[in-house]
Amino acid sequence: MGTPANSEIIAAAEQILGDFPEDYRRFLGEVGWCGIWDCEVFGLGPGIPSYLDVVALATSEHADYGLPNHLIPVMNNGAGDLTCIDKGRFDSVERTAPMVVWYHETSPSEGPVDVADSFSGWLKGLLADS
């Protein structure tokens, strides 16, 4: 488990990546980032390893690997596929966004695949599967 990110760190990240869903903001403020068995959930916070820093990873994936800007990666499956928050479908009233998987080989032509209605729903599923 990581070190929680304070509100200033979260706000700075949102200046770069756009508004986060409320459940992901809560995760960042309470947990920061984490490892669940062999899965690592990207986030923010003091002492975070650079390979788990959501801002560094998102900006790199957007600029260097063609990940659409409306997707915020939160986990890599180890084969180059990314589980992401889909900001393109952000509900500003409910402050939620669905979770998708961006398959590096097929998603550029077919689009991402929906996997959960929210970050918290996805995280609960990840914990249940672990």
C-alpha atoms as a PDB file:
ATOM      1  CA  MET A   1       0.000   0.000   0.000  1.00  0.00           C
ATOM      2  CA  GLY A   2       1.191   3.478  -0.798  1.00  0.00           C
ATOM      3  CA  THR A   3       1.211   6.740   1.035  1.00  0.00           C
ATOM      4  CA  PRO A   4      -1.971   8.798   0.604  1.00  0.00           C
ATOM      5  CA  ALA A   5      -1.768  11.856  -1.637  1.00  0.00           C
ATOM      6  CA  ASN A   6      -2.775  15.200  -0.161  1.00  0.00           C
ATOM      7  CA  SER A   7      -5.279  17.519  -1.814  1.00  0.00           C
ATOM      8  CA  GLU A   8      -2.535  19.655  -3.382  1.00  0.00           C
ATOM      9  CA  ILE A   9      -0.964  16.637  -5.127  1.00  0.00           C
ATOM     10  CA  ILE A  10      -4.366  15.492  -6.376  1.00  0.00           C
ATOM     11  CA  ALA A  11      -5.266  18.991  -7.619  1.00  0.00           C
ATOM     12  CA  ALA A  12      -1.940  19.282  -9.468  1.00  0.00           C
ATOM     13  CA  ALA A  13      -2.562  15.924 -11.158  1.00  0.00           C
ATOM     14  CA  GLU A  14      -6.066  17.028 -12.175  1.00  0.00           C
ATOM     15  CA  GLN A  15      -4.598  20.194 -13.714  1.00  0.00           C
ATOM     16  CA  ILE A  16      -2.663  17.899 -16.064  1.00  0.00           C
ATOM     17  CA  LEU A  17      -5.111  15.009 -16.595  1.00  0.00           C
ATOM     18  CA  GLY A  18      -8.498  16.620 -15.951  1.00  0.00           C
ATOM     19  CA  ASP A  19     -11.040  15.932 -13.220  1.00  0.00           C
ATOM     20  CA  PHE A  20     -10.911  12.514 -11.593  1.00  0.00           C
ATOM     21  CA  PRO A  21     -14.035  10.583 -10.623  1.00  0.00           C
ATOM     22  CA  GLU A  22     -14.828  11.025  -6.937  1.00  0.00           C
ATOM     23  CA  ASP A  23     -14.103   7.384  -6.058  1.00  0.00           C
ATOM     24  CA  TYR A  24     -10.616   7.590  -7.625  1.00  0.00           C
ATOM     25  CA  ARG A  25      -9.953  10.884  -5.779  1.00  0.00           C
ATOM     26  CA  ARG A  26     -10.955   9.144  -2.536  1.00  0.00           C
ATOM     27  CA  PHE A  27      -8.612   6.212  -3.338  1.00  0.00           C
ATOM     28  CA  LEU A  28      -5.746   8.648  -3.962  1.00  0.00           C
ATOM     29  CA  GLY A  29      -6.436  10.526  -0.713  1.00  0.00           C
ATOM     30  CA  GLU A  30      -6.818   7.395   1.431  1.00  0.00           C
ATOM     31  CA  VAL A  31      -4.453   4.886  -0.192  1.00  0.00           C
ATOM     32  CA  GLY A  32      -2.373   6.708  -2.809  1.00  0.00           C
ATOM     33  CA  TRP A  33      -1.448   3.615  -4.836  1.00  0.00           C
ATOM     34  CA  CYS A  34      -1.287  -0.086  -4.088  1.00  0.00           C
ATOM     35  CA  GLY A  35      -0.295  -3.592  -5.033  1.00  0.00           C
ATOM     36  CA  ILE A  36      -2.850  -6.386  -4.856  1.00  0.00           C
ATOM     37  CA  TRP A  37      -1.067  -9.680  -5.336  1.00  0.00           C
ATOM     38  CA  ASP A  38       0.512  -9.346  -8.770  1.00  0.00           C
ATOM     39  CA  CYS A  39      -1.602  -6.298  -9.745  1.00  0.00           C
ATOM     40  CA  GLU A  40      -0.423  -2.746  -9.123  1.00  0.00           C
ATOM     41  CA  VAL A  41      -2.887   0.140  -9.131  1.00  0.00           C
ATOM     42  CA  PHE A  42      -1.404   3.441 -10.327  1.00  0.00           C
ATOM     43  CA  GLY A  43      -1.868   6.534  -8.225  1.00  0.00           C
ATOM     44  CA  LEU A  44      -0.118   9.390  -6.461  1.00  0.00           C
ATOM     45  CA  GLY A  45       1.577  10.165  -3.174  1.00  0.00           C
ATOM     46  CA  PRO A  46       4.887  10.719  -1.448  1.00  0.00           C
ATOM     47  CA  GLY A  47       7.491   8.093  -2.259  1.00  0.00           C
ATOM     48  CA  ILE A  48       5.541   6.540  -5.123  1.00  0.00           C
ATOM     49  CA  PRO A  49       7.726   4.548  -7.533  1.00  0.00           C
ATOM     50  CA  SER A  50       7.831   6.315 -10.905  1.00  0.00           C
ATOM     51  CA  TYR A  51       6.399   3.269 -12.679  1.00  0.00           C
ATOM     52  CA  LEU A  52       3.196   3.628 -10.605  1.00  0.00           C
ATOM     53  CA  ASP A  53       2.783   7.426 -10.893  1.00  0.00           C
ATOM     54  CA  VAL A  54      -0.501   7.955 -12.760  1.00  0.00           C
ATOM     55  CA  VAL A  55       0.528  11.364 -14.149  1.00  0.00           C
ATOM     56  CA  ALA A  56       3.857  10.132 -15.506  1.00  0.00           C
ATOM     57  CA  LEU A  57       2.295   6.993 -16.949  1.00  0.00           C
ATOM     58  CA  ALA A  58      -0.691   8.743 -18.508  1.00  0.00           C
ATOM     59  CA  THR A  59       1.381  11.471 -20.150  1.00  0.00           C
ATOM     60  CA  SER A  60       3.836   8.893 -21.498  1.00  0.00           C
ATOM     61  CA  GLU A  61       1.099   6.569 -22.781  1.00  0.00           C
ATOM     62  CA  HIS A  62      -0.729   9.501 -24.409  1.00  0.00           C
ATOM     63  CA  ALA A  63       2.365  10.994 -26.066  1.00  0.00           C
ATOM     64  CA  ASP A  64       4.400   7.912 -26.924  1.00  0.00           C
ATOM     65  CA  TYR A  65       1.990   5.001 -27.352  1.00  0.00           C
ATOM     66  CA  GLY A  66      -1.228   6.425 -28.753  1.00  0.00           C
ATOM     67  CA  LEU A  67      -3.470   6.027 -25.711  1.00  0.00           C
ATOM     68  CA  PRO A  68      -6.375   8.451 -26.267  1.00  0.00           C
ATOM     69  CA  ASN A  69      -6.227  11.494 -23.988  1.00  0.00           C
ATOM     70  CA  HIS A  70      -9.649  10.745 -22.497  1.00  0.00           C
ATOM     71  CA  LEU A  71      -8.312   7.523 -20.917  1.00  0.00           C
ATOM     72  CA  ILE A  72      -6.419   7.573 -17.619  1.00  0.00           C
ATOM     73  CA  PRO A  73      -4.518   4.319 -17.072  1.00  0.00           C
ATOM     74  CA  VAL A  74      -4.745   2.819 -13.579  1.00  0.00           C
ATOM     75  CA  MET A  75      -3.301  -0.670 -14.163  1.00  0.00           C
ATOM     76  CA  ASN A  76      -1.140  -2.525 -16.691  1.00  0.00           C
ATOM     77  CA  ASN A  77      -1.782  -6.244 -17.111  1.00  0.00           C
ATOM     78  CA  GLY A  78       1.898  -6.902 -17.862  1.00  0.00           C
ATOM     79  CA  ALA A  79       1.261  -7.522 -21.561  1.00  0.00           C
ATOM     80  CA  GLY A  80       0.809  -3.868 -22.514  1.00  0.00           C
ATOM     81  CA  ASP A  81      -2.970  -3.684 -22.028  1.00  0.00           C
ATOM     82  CA  LEU A  82      -4.206  -0.918 -19.744  1.00  0.00           C
ATOM     83  CA  THR A  83      -7.228  -0.704 -17.473  1.00  0.00           C
ATOM     84  CA  CYS A  84      -8.340   2.922 -17.626  1.00  0.00           C
ATOM     85  CA  ILE A  85     -10.812   5.457 -16.345  1.00  0.00           C
ATOM     86  CA  ASP A  86     -12.806   6.684 -19.355  1.00  0.00           C
ATOM     87  CA  LYS A  87     -12.968  10.462 -18.805  1.00  0.00           C
ATOM     88  CA  GLY A  88     -14.754  10.787 -22.127  1.00  0.00           C
ATOM     89  CA  ARG A  89     -17.865   9.466 -20.384  1.00  0.00           C
ATOM     90  CA  PHE A  90     -17.350  11.386 -17.122  1.00  0.00           C
ATOM     91  CA  ASP A  91     -20.651  12.212 -15.423  1.00  0.00           C
ATOM     92  CA  SER A  92     -20.034  15.652 -13.928  1.00  0.00           C
ATOM     93  CA  VAL A  93     -23.168  15.476 -11.768  1.00  0.00           C
ATOM     94  CA  GLU A  94     -22.483  12.053 -10.240  1.00  0.00           C
ATOM     95  CA  ARG A  95     -18.670  12.547 -10.555  1.00  0.00           C
ATOM     96  CA  THR A  96     -18.247   8.999 -11.906  1.00  0.00           C
ATOM     97  CA  ALA A  97     -16.740   7.450 -15.027  1.00  0.00           C
ATOM     98  CA  PRO A  98     -16.692   3.907 -16.368  1.00  0.00           C
ATOM     99  CA  MET A  99     -13.649   1.664 -16.449  1.00  0.00           C
ATOM    100  CA  VAL A 100     -12.386   0.208 -19.726  1.00  0.00           C
ATOM    101  CA  VAL A 101      -9.517  -1.940 -20.950  1.00  0.00           C
ATOM    102  CA  TRP A 102      -7.374  -0.567 -23.767  1.00  0.00           C
ATOM    103  CA  TYR A 103      -5.959  -3.571 -25.599  1.00  0.00           C
ATOM    104  CA  HIS A 104      -2.804  -2.314 -27.280  1.00  0.00           C
ATOM    105  CA  GLU A 105      -3.271  -4.556 -30.322  1.00  0.00           C
ATOM    106  CA  THR A 106      -7.011  -4.192 -31.019  1.00  0.00           C
ATOM    107  CA  SER A 107      -8.313  -1.060 -29.278  1.00  0.00           C
ATOM    108  CA  PRO A 108      -6.752   1.421 -31.744  1.00  0.00           C
ATOM    109  CA  SER A 109      -9.149   0.091 -34.383  1.00  0.00           C
ATOM    110  CA  GLU A 110     -11.984  -1.366 -32.289  1.00  0.00           C
ATOM    111  CA  GLY A 111     -11.991   0.897 -29.226  1.00  0.00           C
ATOM    112  CA  PRO A 112     -11.686   0.039 -25.541  1.00  0.00           C
ATOM    113  CA  VAL A 113     -13.804  -2.609 -23.811  1.00  0.00           C
ATOM    114  CA  ASP A 114     -16.039  -1.712 -20.848  1.00  0.00           C
ATOM    115  CA  VAL A 115     -15.206  -3.621 -17.650  1.00  0.00           C
ATOM    116  CA  ALA A 116     -16.975  -1.744 -14.810  1.00  0.00           C
ATOM    117  CA  ASP A 117     -19.327   1.157 -14.160  1.00  0.00           C
ATOM    118  CA  SER A 118     -16.876   2.886 -11.826  1.00  0.00           C
ATOM    119  CA  PHE A 119     -13.381   2.790 -10.350  1.00  0.00           C
ATOM    120  CA  SER A 120     -14.709   1.557  -6.993  1.00  0.00           C
ATOM    121  CA  GLY A 121     -16.737  -1.199  -8.688  1.00  0.00           C
ATOM    122  CA  TRP A 122     -13.675  -2.278 -10.670  1.00  0.00           C
ATOM    123  CA  LEU A 123     -11.464  -2.218  -7.547  1.00  0.00           C
ATOM    124  CA  LYS A 124     -13.968  -4.352  -5.602  1.00  0.00           C
ATOM    125  CA  GLY A 125     -13.903  -6.876  -8.435  1.00  0.00           C
ATOM    126  CA  LEU A 126     -10.098  -6.874  -8.446  1.00  0.00           C
ATOM    127  CA  LEU A 127     -10.047  -7.499  -4.698  1.00  0.00           C
ATOM    128  CA  ALA A 128     -12.631 -10.281  -4.981  1.00  0.00           C
ATOM    129  CA  ASP A 129     -10.581 -12.012  -7.689  1.00  0.00           C
ATOM    130  CA  SER A 130      -7.353 -11.837  -5.671  1.00  0.00           C
END
